[in-house]
Amino acid sequence: MAENNGKAANPVVFFDLTLGGEPLGRVKMELFADVTPKTAENFRQFCTGETKNSQGRPQGYKGSKFHRVQQINNFMIQGGDFLNGDGTGSTSIYGTKSFADENFQLKHDTAGLLSMAVPTPFLNGKHVVFGKVVDGMDVVRKVENTRVKQESKPVSDVSIAQCGEM
């Protein structure tokens, strides 16, 4: 993390996305470590692959797919399940499947927020907002507009080809 006026800056991570194997673009995300340190660190480590599974292999978002794309603008795209690929897999860097929500200080009030669930106002107080897209909303919009089939699954795979920390 970089320093900013003597205070540690929030980490910025990235996803390089593909659609049907073709490059789509890069999405950069600021993680709100200053507000949700545990959640931000969990996401950061799965971006860098520094957390290892029980076989000692890196685990994280690289190679995983977005399993759900709602066709309602500014609603959501869901991904990050690198265990089962369908939203049912759960793990954390803390050695448990999940961990307690830290706080609900930040609200689901704008596009581009990172949350552990659907970013809508009725979920305020139920799911932690832990980051935001700082560059690449055009790529997010491309994902939002991709064709989907049953249960909002993309027709062509939307995958995280590369990810890491800036």
N, C-alpha and C. Protein backbone atom coordinates (compact mmCIF):
# COMPACT_ATOMS: atom_id res chain seq x y z
N MET A 1 0.83 -1.19 0.00
CA MET A 1 0.00 0.00 0.00
C MET A 1 0.87 1.24 0.00
N ALA A 2 0.48 2.21 -0.74
CA ALA A 2 1.20 3.48 -0.80
C ALA A 2 0.81 4.35 0.39
N GLU A 3 1.67 5.26 0.71
CA GLU A 3 1.39 6.21 1.78
C GLU A 3 0.81 7.49 1.19
N ASN A 4 -0.10 8.11 1.90
CA ASN A 4 -0.72 9.35 1.46
C ASN A 4 -0.84 10.27 2.67
N ASN A 5 0.01 11.28 2.74
CA ASN A 5 0.04 12.20 3.88
C ASN A 5 0.24 11.46 5.20
N GLY A 6 1.15 10.48 5.21
CA GLY A 6 1.43 9.74 6.43
C GLY A 6 0.42 8.66 6.73
N LYS A 7 -0.62 8.55 5.93
CA LYS A 7 -1.67 7.56 6.15
C LYS A 7 -1.61 6.55 5.00
N ALA A 8 -1.73 5.27 5.31
CA ALA A 8 -1.70 4.24 4.27
C ALA A 8 -2.89 4.40 3.34
N ALA A 9 -2.62 4.37 2.04
CA ALA A 9 -3.69 4.47 1.04
C ALA A 9 -4.37 3.11 0.89
N ASN A 10 -5.60 3.13 0.46
CA ASN A 10 -6.31 1.88 0.20
C ASN A 10 -5.67 1.16 -0.98
N PRO A 11 -5.63 -0.18 -0.93
CA PRO A 11 -5.07 -0.92 -2.07
C PRO A 11 -5.97 -0.83 -3.29
N VAL A 12 -5.34 -0.92 -4.47
CA VAL A 12 -6.06 -0.96 -5.74
C VAL A 12 -5.69 -2.28 -6.41
N VAL A 13 -6.71 -3.02 -6.80
CA VAL A 13 -6.52 -4.31 -7.46
C VAL A 13 -7.13 -4.25 -8.85
N PHE A 14 -6.87 -5.27 -9.66
CA PHE A 14 -7.42 -5.25 -11.02
C PHE A 14 -7.87 -6.63 -11.45
N PHE A 15 -8.80 -6.64 -12.39
CA PHE A 15 -9.22 -7.82 -13.14
C PHE A 15 -9.02 -7.51 -14.62
N ASP A 16 -8.34 -8.38 -15.36
CA ASP A 16 -8.31 -8.33 -16.81
C ASP A 16 -9.36 -9.34 -17.28
N LEU A 17 -10.43 -8.86 -17.91
CA LEU A 17 -11.56 -9.70 -18.27
C LEU A 17 -11.53 -10.11 -19.73
N THR A 18 -12.06 -11.30 -19.99
CA THR A 18 -12.25 -11.77 -21.36
C THR A 18 -13.71 -12.15 -21.54
N LEU A 19 -14.17 -12.08 -22.78
CA LEU A 19 -15.51 -12.52 -23.16
C LEU A 19 -15.34 -13.54 -24.28
N GLY A 20 -15.72 -14.78 -24.00
CA GLY A 20 -15.53 -15.84 -24.99
C GLY A 20 -14.07 -16.02 -25.37
N GLY A 21 -13.17 -15.76 -24.44
CA GLY A 21 -11.74 -15.92 -24.68
C GLY A 21 -11.05 -14.71 -25.28
N GLU A 22 -11.82 -13.70 -25.71
CA GLU A 22 -11.25 -12.49 -26.30
C GLU A 22 -11.11 -11.39 -25.23
N PRO A 23 -10.00 -10.65 -25.24
CA PRO A 23 -9.81 -9.58 -24.24
C PRO A 23 -10.96 -8.57 -24.26
N LEU A 24 -11.44 -8.23 -23.08
CA LEU A 24 -12.52 -7.27 -22.93
C LEU A 24 -12.01 -5.96 -22.34
N GLY A 25 -11.03 -6.05 -21.43
CA GLY A 25 -10.46 -4.85 -20.81
C GLY A 25 -10.14 -5.07 -19.35
N ARG A 26 -9.61 -4.02 -18.75
CA ARG A 26 -9.18 -4.06 -17.35
C ARG A 26 -10.13 -3.25 -16.48
N VAL A 27 -10.42 -3.80 -15.31
CA VAL A 27 -11.22 -3.10 -14.30
C VAL A 27 -10.32 -2.93 -13.07
N LYS A 28 -10.12 -1.67 -12.65
CA LYS A 28 -9.35 -1.38 -11.44
C LYS A 28 -10.32 -1.04 -10.31
N MET A 29 -10.05 -1.59 -9.13
CA MET A 29 -10.93 -1.42 -7.98
C MET A 29 -10.16 -1.00 -6.74
N GLU A 30 -10.65 0.04 -6.11
CA GLU A 30 -10.10 0.46 -4.82
C GLU A 30 -10.81 -0.34 -3.74
N LEU A 31 -10.03 -0.92 -2.82
CA LEU A 31 -10.60 -1.66 -1.71
C LEU A 31 -10.59 -0.78 -0.46
N PHE A 32 -11.71 -0.70 0.21
CA PHE A 32 -11.85 0.20 1.35
C PHE A 32 -11.28 -0.41 2.63
N ALA A 33 -9.95 -0.61 2.65
CA ALA A 33 -9.27 -1.17 3.81
C ALA A 33 -9.40 -0.26 5.02
N ASP A 34 -9.62 1.02 4.79
CA ASP A 34 -9.77 1.97 5.89
C ASP A 34 -11.11 1.82 6.60
N VAL A 35 -12.10 1.22 5.95
CA VAL A 35 -13.44 1.05 6.53
C VAL A 35 -13.75 -0.42 6.80
N THR A 36 -13.33 -1.30 5.90
CA THR A 36 -13.62 -2.74 6.02
C THR A 36 -12.31 -3.54 5.82
N PRO A 37 -11.40 -3.46 6.77
CA PRO A 37 -10.08 -4.06 6.57
C PRO A 37 -10.09 -5.56 6.35
N LYS A 38 -10.89 -6.33 7.06
CA LYS A 38 -10.90 -7.79 6.88
C LYS A 38 -11.46 -8.18 5.51
N THR A 39 -12.56 -7.56 5.13
CA THR A 39 -13.18 -7.89 3.85
C THR A 39 -12.28 -7.47 2.69
N ALA A 40 -11.69 -6.28 2.80
CA ALA A 40 -10.79 -5.79 1.75
C ALA A 40 -9.56 -6.68 1.63
N GLU A 41 -9.00 -7.11 2.74
CA GLU A 41 -7.82 -7.97 2.70
C GLU A 41 -8.15 -9.34 2.11
N ASN A 42 -9.30 -9.87 2.44
CA ASN A 42 -9.75 -11.15 1.87
C ASN A 42 -9.81 -11.05 0.34
N PHE A 43 -10.45 -10.00 -0.17
CA PHE A 43 -10.57 -9.80 -1.62
C PHE A 43 -9.20 -9.58 -2.25
N ARG A 44 -8.35 -8.75 -1.60
CA ARG A 44 -7.02 -8.45 -2.14
C ARG A 44 -6.20 -9.72 -2.31
N GLN A 45 -6.20 -10.56 -1.29
CA GLN A 45 -5.38 -11.78 -1.37
C GLN A 45 -5.90 -12.75 -2.42
N PHE A 46 -7.20 -12.78 -2.66
CA PHE A 46 -7.72 -13.63 -3.73
C PHE A 46 -7.43 -13.02 -5.10
N CYS A 47 -7.19 -11.73 -5.16
CA CYS A 47 -6.74 -11.10 -6.41
C CYS A 47 -5.27 -11.42 -6.69
N THR A 48 -4.45 -11.44 -5.66
CA THR A 48 -3.02 -11.67 -5.86
C THR A 48 -2.66 -13.15 -5.93
N GLY A 49 -3.52 -14.01 -5.41
CA GLY A 49 -3.23 -15.44 -5.40
C GLY A 49 -2.24 -15.83 -4.33
N GLU A 50 -1.98 -14.95 -3.38
CA GLU A 50 -0.98 -15.27 -2.35
C GLU A 50 -1.50 -16.26 -1.33
N THR A 51 -2.80 -16.46 -1.23
CA THR A 51 -3.37 -17.47 -0.34
C THR A 51 -3.32 -18.82 -1.04
N LYS A 52 -2.91 -19.84 -0.30
CA LYS A 52 -2.77 -21.19 -0.88
C LYS A 52 -3.88 -22.10 -0.35
N ASN A 53 -4.27 -23.09 -1.19
CA ASN A 53 -5.25 -24.07 -0.76
C ASN A 53 -4.55 -25.18 0.01
N SER A 54 -5.29 -26.22 0.38
CA SER A 54 -4.70 -27.29 1.20
C SER A 54 -3.60 -28.07 0.48
N GLN A 55 -3.58 -28.01 -0.87
CA GLN A 55 -2.51 -28.65 -1.64
C GLN A 55 -1.32 -27.72 -1.87
N GLY A 56 -1.37 -26.51 -1.29
CA GLY A 56 -0.28 -25.56 -1.45
C GLY A 56 -0.32 -24.77 -2.74
N ARG A 57 -1.43 -24.86 -3.49
CA ARG A 57 -1.57 -24.13 -4.75
C ARG A 57 -2.24 -22.78 -4.50
N PRO A 58 -1.83 -21.76 -5.26
CA PRO A 58 -2.50 -20.46 -5.12
C PRO A 58 -3.99 -20.60 -5.41
N GLN A 59 -4.80 -19.89 -4.63
CA GLN A 59 -6.23 -19.87 -4.91
C GLN A 59 -6.69 -18.44 -5.02
N GLY A 60 -7.61 -18.24 -5.92
CA GLY A 60 -8.12 -16.89 -6.08
C GLY A 60 -8.93 -16.76 -7.36
N TYR A 61 -9.14 -15.52 -7.73
CA TYR A 61 -10.05 -15.19 -8.82
C TYR A 61 -9.53 -15.50 -10.21
N LYS A 62 -8.22 -15.60 -10.39
CA LYS A 62 -7.66 -15.83 -11.72
C LYS A 62 -8.26 -17.11 -12.32
N GLY A 63 -8.81 -16.97 -13.52
CA GLY A 63 -9.42 -18.10 -14.21
C GLY A 63 -10.88 -18.33 -13.88
N SER A 64 -11.41 -17.63 -12.89
CA SER A 64 -12.82 -17.82 -12.53
C SER A 64 -13.73 -17.02 -13.48
N LYS A 65 -15.01 -17.34 -13.43
CA LYS A 65 -15.98 -16.74 -14.35
C LYS A 65 -17.04 -15.96 -13.61
N PHE A 66 -17.64 -15.03 -14.32
CA PHE A 66 -18.83 -14.35 -13.81
C PHE A 66 -20.01 -15.26 -14.12
N HIS A 67 -20.63 -15.77 -13.07
CA HIS A 67 -21.67 -16.78 -13.25
C HIS A 67 -23.07 -16.19 -13.40
N ARG A 68 -23.21 -14.90 -13.13
CA ARG A 68 -24.54 -14.28 -13.22
C ARG A 68 -24.40 -12.83 -13.65
N VAL A 69 -25.19 -12.44 -14.64
CA VAL A 69 -25.23 -11.06 -15.12
C VAL A 69 -26.69 -10.66 -15.23
N GLN A 70 -27.14 -9.81 -14.32
CA GLN A 70 -28.52 -9.32 -14.37
C GLN A 70 -28.68 -8.37 -15.54
N GLN A 71 -29.73 -8.51 -16.29
CA GLN A 71 -29.96 -7.67 -17.46
C GLN A 71 -30.71 -6.39 -17.10
N ILE A 72 -30.57 -5.96 -15.88
CA ILE A 72 -31.13 -4.69 -15.41
C ILE A 72 -29.96 -3.76 -15.23
N ASN A 73 -29.89 -2.68 -16.01
CA ASN A 73 -28.74 -1.77 -15.92
C ASN A 73 -28.50 -1.29 -14.49
N ASN A 74 -27.24 -1.18 -14.15
CA ASN A 74 -26.79 -0.73 -12.83
C ASN A 74 -27.22 -1.67 -11.71
N PHE A 75 -27.54 -2.93 -12.06
CA PHE A 75 -27.97 -3.82 -10.99
C PHE A 75 -26.80 -4.63 -10.47
N MET A 76 -26.35 -5.65 -11.21
CA MET A 76 -25.22 -6.41 -10.68
C MET A 76 -24.64 -7.36 -11.71
N ILE A 77 -23.39 -7.70 -11.46
CA ILE A 77 -22.75 -8.83 -12.08
C ILE A 77 -22.14 -9.61 -10.92
N GLN A 78 -22.24 -10.93 -10.96
CA GLN A 78 -21.73 -11.75 -9.86
C GLN A 78 -20.65 -12.69 -10.36
N GLY A 79 -19.61 -12.77 -9.60
CA GLY A 79 -18.51 -13.67 -9.91
C GLY A 79 -17.71 -13.93 -8.65
N GLY A 80 -16.55 -14.52 -8.82
CA GLY A 80 -15.67 -14.71 -7.68
C GLY A 80 -15.74 -16.08 -7.05
N ASP A 81 -16.67 -16.93 -7.49
CA ASP A 81 -16.75 -18.28 -6.94
C ASP A 81 -15.75 -19.15 -7.70
N PHE A 82 -14.52 -19.20 -7.20
CA PHE A 82 -13.48 -19.98 -7.87
C PHE A 82 -13.48 -21.42 -7.40
N LEU A 83 -14.39 -21.78 -6.48
CA LEU A 83 -14.49 -23.17 -6.03
C LEU A 83 -15.48 -23.96 -6.89
N ASN A 84 -16.71 -23.46 -7.01
CA ASN A 84 -17.76 -24.17 -7.75
C ASN A 84 -18.19 -23.48 -9.04
N GLY A 85 -17.87 -22.19 -9.18
CA GLY A 85 -18.20 -21.45 -10.38
C GLY A 85 -19.65 -21.06 -10.55
N ASP A 86 -20.45 -21.22 -9.49
CA ASP A 86 -21.88 -20.93 -9.61
C ASP A 86 -22.45 -20.08 -8.46
N GLY A 87 -21.59 -19.58 -7.61
CA GLY A 87 -22.06 -18.76 -6.49
C GLY A 87 -22.29 -19.54 -5.21
N THR A 88 -22.11 -20.86 -5.23
CA THR A 88 -22.34 -21.66 -4.03
C THR A 88 -21.06 -21.94 -3.26
N GLY A 89 -19.91 -21.73 -3.88
CA GLY A 89 -18.63 -21.99 -3.22
C GLY A 89 -18.27 -20.85 -2.29
N SER A 90 -17.68 -21.18 -1.16
CA SER A 90 -17.33 -20.15 -0.19
C SER A 90 -16.06 -20.53 0.55
N THR A 91 -15.16 -19.58 0.65
CA THR A 91 -13.95 -19.76 1.43
C THR A 91 -13.43 -18.38 1.78
N SER A 92 -12.49 -18.31 2.70
CA SER A 92 -11.88 -17.03 3.06
C SER A 92 -10.41 -17.26 3.38
N ILE A 93 -9.66 -16.19 3.45
CA ILE A 93 -8.25 -16.29 3.80
C ILE A 93 -8.07 -16.57 5.29
N TYR A 94 -9.17 -16.50 6.03
CA TYR A 94 -9.11 -16.66 7.48
C TYR A 94 -9.31 -18.10 7.94
N GLY A 95 -9.30 -19.06 6.98
CA GLY A 95 -9.40 -20.47 7.34
C GLY A 95 -10.82 -20.96 7.57
N THR A 96 -11.80 -20.15 7.23
CA THR A 96 -13.21 -20.51 7.39
C THR A 96 -13.92 -20.27 6.07
N LYS A 97 -15.13 -20.84 5.93
CA LYS A 97 -15.91 -20.62 4.71
C LYS A 97 -16.33 -19.16 4.59
N SER A 98 -16.60 -18.54 5.71
CA SER A 98 -17.01 -17.14 5.71
C SER A 98 -16.54 -16.49 7.00
N PHE A 99 -16.78 -15.20 7.11
CA PHE A 99 -16.44 -14.49 8.34
C PHE A 99 -17.51 -13.42 8.58
N ALA A 100 -17.60 -12.96 9.81
CA ALA A 100 -18.64 -12.02 10.18
C ALA A 100 -18.52 -10.70 9.42
N ASP A 101 -19.68 -10.12 9.07
CA ASP A 101 -19.69 -8.80 8.45
C ASP A 101 -19.03 -7.81 9.40
N GLU A 102 -18.22 -6.92 8.85
CA GLU A 102 -17.50 -5.96 9.68
C GLU A 102 -18.38 -4.80 10.13
N ASN A 103 -19.03 -4.19 9.17
CA ASN A 103 -19.89 -3.03 9.47
C ASN A 103 -20.70 -2.71 8.22
N PHE A 104 -21.64 -1.83 8.39
CA PHE A 104 -22.52 -1.43 7.28
C PHE A 104 -22.48 0.09 7.11
N GLN A 105 -21.29 0.67 7.29
CA GLN A 105 -21.14 2.12 7.20
C GLN A 105 -21.42 2.64 5.79
N LEU A 106 -20.99 1.89 4.78
CA LEU A 106 -21.14 2.34 3.40
C LEU A 106 -22.40 1.74 2.80
N LYS A 107 -23.08 2.51 1.99
CA LYS A 107 -24.36 2.09 1.42
C LYS A 107 -24.23 1.71 -0.05
N HIS A 108 -25.17 0.91 -0.52
CA HIS A 108 -25.29 0.53 -1.92
C HIS A 108 -26.03 1.66 -2.63
N ASP A 109 -25.30 2.73 -2.96
CA ASP A 109 -25.98 3.93 -3.46
C ASP A 109 -25.49 4.43 -4.81
N THR A 110 -24.59 3.68 -5.45
CA THR A 110 -24.07 4.09 -6.75
C THR A 110 -23.56 2.87 -7.51
N ALA A 111 -23.45 2.99 -8.81
CA ALA A 111 -22.91 1.90 -9.62
C ALA A 111 -21.42 1.74 -9.36
N GLY A 112 -20.93 0.52 -9.55
CA GLY A 112 -19.50 0.26 -9.44
C GLY A 112 -19.02 -0.12 -8.06
N LEU A 113 -19.94 -0.35 -7.13
CA LEU A 113 -19.52 -0.74 -5.78
C LEU A 113 -19.26 -2.24 -5.72
N LEU A 114 -18.32 -2.63 -4.86
CA LEU A 114 -18.03 -4.04 -4.61
C LEU A 114 -18.74 -4.44 -3.33
N SER A 115 -19.44 -5.54 -3.41
CA SER A 115 -20.20 -6.03 -2.27
C SER A 115 -20.20 -7.54 -2.32
N MET A 116 -20.44 -8.16 -1.21
CA MET A 116 -20.51 -9.61 -1.17
C MET A 116 -21.86 -10.11 -1.66
N ALA A 117 -22.74 -9.23 -2.06
CA ALA A 117 -24.07 -9.63 -2.54
C ALA A 117 -24.62 -8.56 -3.46
N VAL A 118 -25.89 -8.68 -3.79
CA VAL A 118 -26.57 -7.79 -4.72
C VAL A 118 -26.53 -6.35 -4.20
N PRO A 119 -26.00 -5.39 -5.00
CA PRO A 119 -25.91 -3.99 -4.55
C PRO A 119 -27.21 -3.21 -4.79
N THR A 120 -28.16 -3.40 -3.90
CA THR A 120 -29.41 -2.65 -3.99
C THR A 120 -29.73 -2.07 -2.62
N PRO A 121 -30.47 -0.97 -2.58
CA PRO A 121 -30.76 -0.31 -1.30
C PRO A 121 -31.42 -1.22 -0.27
N PHE A 122 -32.26 -2.18 -0.71
CA PHE A 122 -32.92 -3.02 0.28
C PHE A 122 -31.97 -3.97 0.98
N LEU A 123 -30.72 -4.05 0.52
CA LEU A 123 -29.73 -4.88 1.19
C LEU A 123 -28.81 -4.07 2.09
N ASN A 124 -28.99 -2.75 2.14
CA ASN A 124 -28.21 -1.96 3.08
C ASN A 124 -28.44 -2.52 4.48
N GLY A 125 -27.35 -2.67 5.23
CA GLY A 125 -27.46 -3.24 6.56
C GLY A 125 -27.42 -4.76 6.55
N LYS A 126 -27.28 -5.37 5.38
CA LYS A 126 -27.21 -6.83 5.28
C LYS A 126 -25.94 -7.33 4.61
N HIS A 127 -25.33 -6.50 3.74
CA HIS A 127 -24.12 -6.90 3.04
C HIS A 127 -23.13 -5.74 3.01
N VAL A 128 -21.87 -6.08 3.22
CA VAL A 128 -20.81 -5.09 3.37
C VAL A 128 -20.34 -4.55 2.01
N VAL A 129 -20.33 -3.23 1.87
CA VAL A 129 -19.70 -2.58 0.73
C VAL A 129 -18.23 -2.43 1.10
N PHE A 130 -17.32 -2.97 0.26
CA PHE A 130 -15.91 -2.96 0.62
C PHE A 130 -15.00 -2.37 -0.44
N GLY A 131 -15.56 -1.82 -1.51
CA GLY A 131 -14.71 -1.23 -2.54
C GLY A 131 -15.54 -0.64 -3.66
N LYS A 132 -14.80 -0.07 -4.65
CA LYS A 132 -15.49 0.52 -5.80
C LYS A 132 -14.58 0.46 -7.02
N VAL A 133 -15.21 0.43 -8.19
CA VAL A 133 -14.48 0.50 -9.45
C VAL A 133 -13.96 1.92 -9.62
N VAL A 134 -12.65 2.06 -9.85
CA VAL A 134 -12.06 3.38 -10.04
C VAL A 134 -11.65 3.62 -11.50
N ASP A 135 -11.58 2.54 -12.27
CA ASP A 135 -11.28 2.66 -13.70
C ASP A 135 -11.79 1.39 -14.37
N GLY A 136 -12.44 1.56 -15.51
CA GLY A 136 -12.93 0.40 -16.24
C GLY A 136 -14.43 0.17 -16.13
N MET A 137 -15.18 1.20 -15.76
CA MET A 137 -16.64 1.03 -15.74
C MET A 137 -17.16 0.71 -17.13
N ASP A 138 -16.46 1.15 -18.18
CA ASP A 138 -16.88 0.79 -19.54
C ASP A 138 -16.80 -0.72 -19.75
N VAL A 139 -15.82 -1.36 -19.13
CA VAL A 139 -15.69 -2.82 -19.22
C VAL A 139 -16.82 -3.48 -18.43
N VAL A 140 -17.13 -2.94 -17.27
CA VAL A 140 -18.25 -3.46 -16.47
C VAL A 140 -19.54 -3.36 -17.28
N ARG A 141 -19.74 -2.25 -17.98
CA ARG A 141 -20.95 -2.05 -18.81
C ARG A 141 -20.99 -3.08 -19.94
N LYS A 142 -19.82 -3.41 -20.52
CA LYS A 142 -19.79 -4.44 -21.56
C LYS A 142 -20.25 -5.78 -20.99
N VAL A 143 -19.80 -6.09 -19.79
CA VAL A 143 -20.22 -7.34 -19.13
C VAL A 143 -21.73 -7.29 -18.87
N GLU A 144 -22.21 -6.15 -18.37
CA GLU A 144 -23.65 -6.01 -18.10
C GLU A 144 -24.49 -6.26 -19.36
N ASN A 145 -23.96 -5.90 -20.51
CA ASN A 145 -24.71 -5.99 -21.76
C ASN A 145 -24.45 -7.27 -22.55
N THR A 146 -23.69 -8.20 -21.98
CA THR A 146 -23.46 -9.45 -22.69
C THR A 146 -24.74 -10.30 -22.71
N ARG A 147 -24.89 -11.12 -23.73
CA ARG A 147 -26.08 -11.98 -23.83
C ARG A 147 -26.05 -13.03 -22.73
N VAL A 148 -27.24 -13.32 -22.19
CA VAL A 148 -27.36 -14.31 -21.13
C VAL A 148 -28.40 -15.36 -21.49
N LYS A 149 -28.31 -16.49 -20.81
CA LYS A 149 -29.29 -17.56 -20.97
C LYS A 149 -30.00 -17.76 -19.63
N GLN A 150 -30.50 -18.94 -19.38
CA GLN A 150 -31.22 -19.23 -18.15
C GLN A 150 -30.46 -18.79 -16.92
N GLU A 151 -31.23 -18.32 -15.94
CA GLU A 151 -30.67 -17.90 -14.64
C GLU A 151 -29.58 -16.85 -14.79
N SER A 152 -29.67 -16.03 -15.83
CA SER A 152 -28.76 -14.90 -16.07
C SER A 152 -27.31 -15.30 -16.26
N LYS A 153 -27.07 -16.54 -16.67
CA LYS A 153 -25.70 -17.00 -16.95
C LYS A 153 -25.29 -16.52 -18.33
N PRO A 154 -24.10 -15.89 -18.46
CA PRO A 154 -23.66 -15.42 -19.77
C PRO A 154 -23.58 -16.55 -20.80
N VAL A 155 -23.97 -16.27 -22.04
CA VAL A 155 -23.90 -17.23 -23.13
C VAL A 155 -22.43 -17.56 -23.41
N SER A 156 -21.59 -16.56 -23.50
CA SER A 156 -20.14 -16.73 -23.65
C SER A 156 -19.49 -16.46 -22.30
N ASP A 157 -18.49 -17.24 -21.96
CA ASP A 157 -17.84 -17.07 -20.66
C ASP A 157 -17.23 -15.68 -20.51
N VAL A 158 -17.52 -15.05 -19.39
CA VAL A 158 -16.86 -13.81 -18.98
C VAL A 158 -15.91 -14.23 -17.87
N SER A 159 -14.62 -14.18 -18.15
CA SER A 159 -13.61 -14.74 -17.24
C SER A 159 -12.60 -13.70 -16.79
N ILE A 160 -12.01 -13.99 -15.65
CA ILE A 160 -10.91 -13.19 -15.12
C ILE A 160 -9.62 -13.86 -15.59
N ALA A 161 -9.03 -13.31 -16.67
CA ALA A 161 -7.83 -13.89 -17.26
C ALA A 161 -6.60 -13.64 -16.40
N GLN A 162 -6.57 -12.48 -15.77
CA GLN A 162 -5.45 -12.09 -14.91
C GLN A 162 -5.99 -11.16 -13.84
N CYS A 163 -5.37 -11.18 -12.69
CA CYS A 163 -5.74 -10.26 -11.62
C CYS A 163 -4.56 -10.07 -10.71
N GLY A 164 -4.61 -9.01 -9.94
CA GLY A 164 -3.50 -8.72 -9.03
C GLY A 164 -3.67 -7.38 -8.38
N GLU A 165 -2.60 -6.89 -7.79
CA GLU A 165 -2.60 -5.60 -7.10
C GLU A 165 -1.75 -4.62 -7.89
N MET A 166 -2.21 -3.39 -7.98
CA MET A 166 -1.48 -2.35 -8.70
C MET A 166 -0.32 -1.85 -7.84
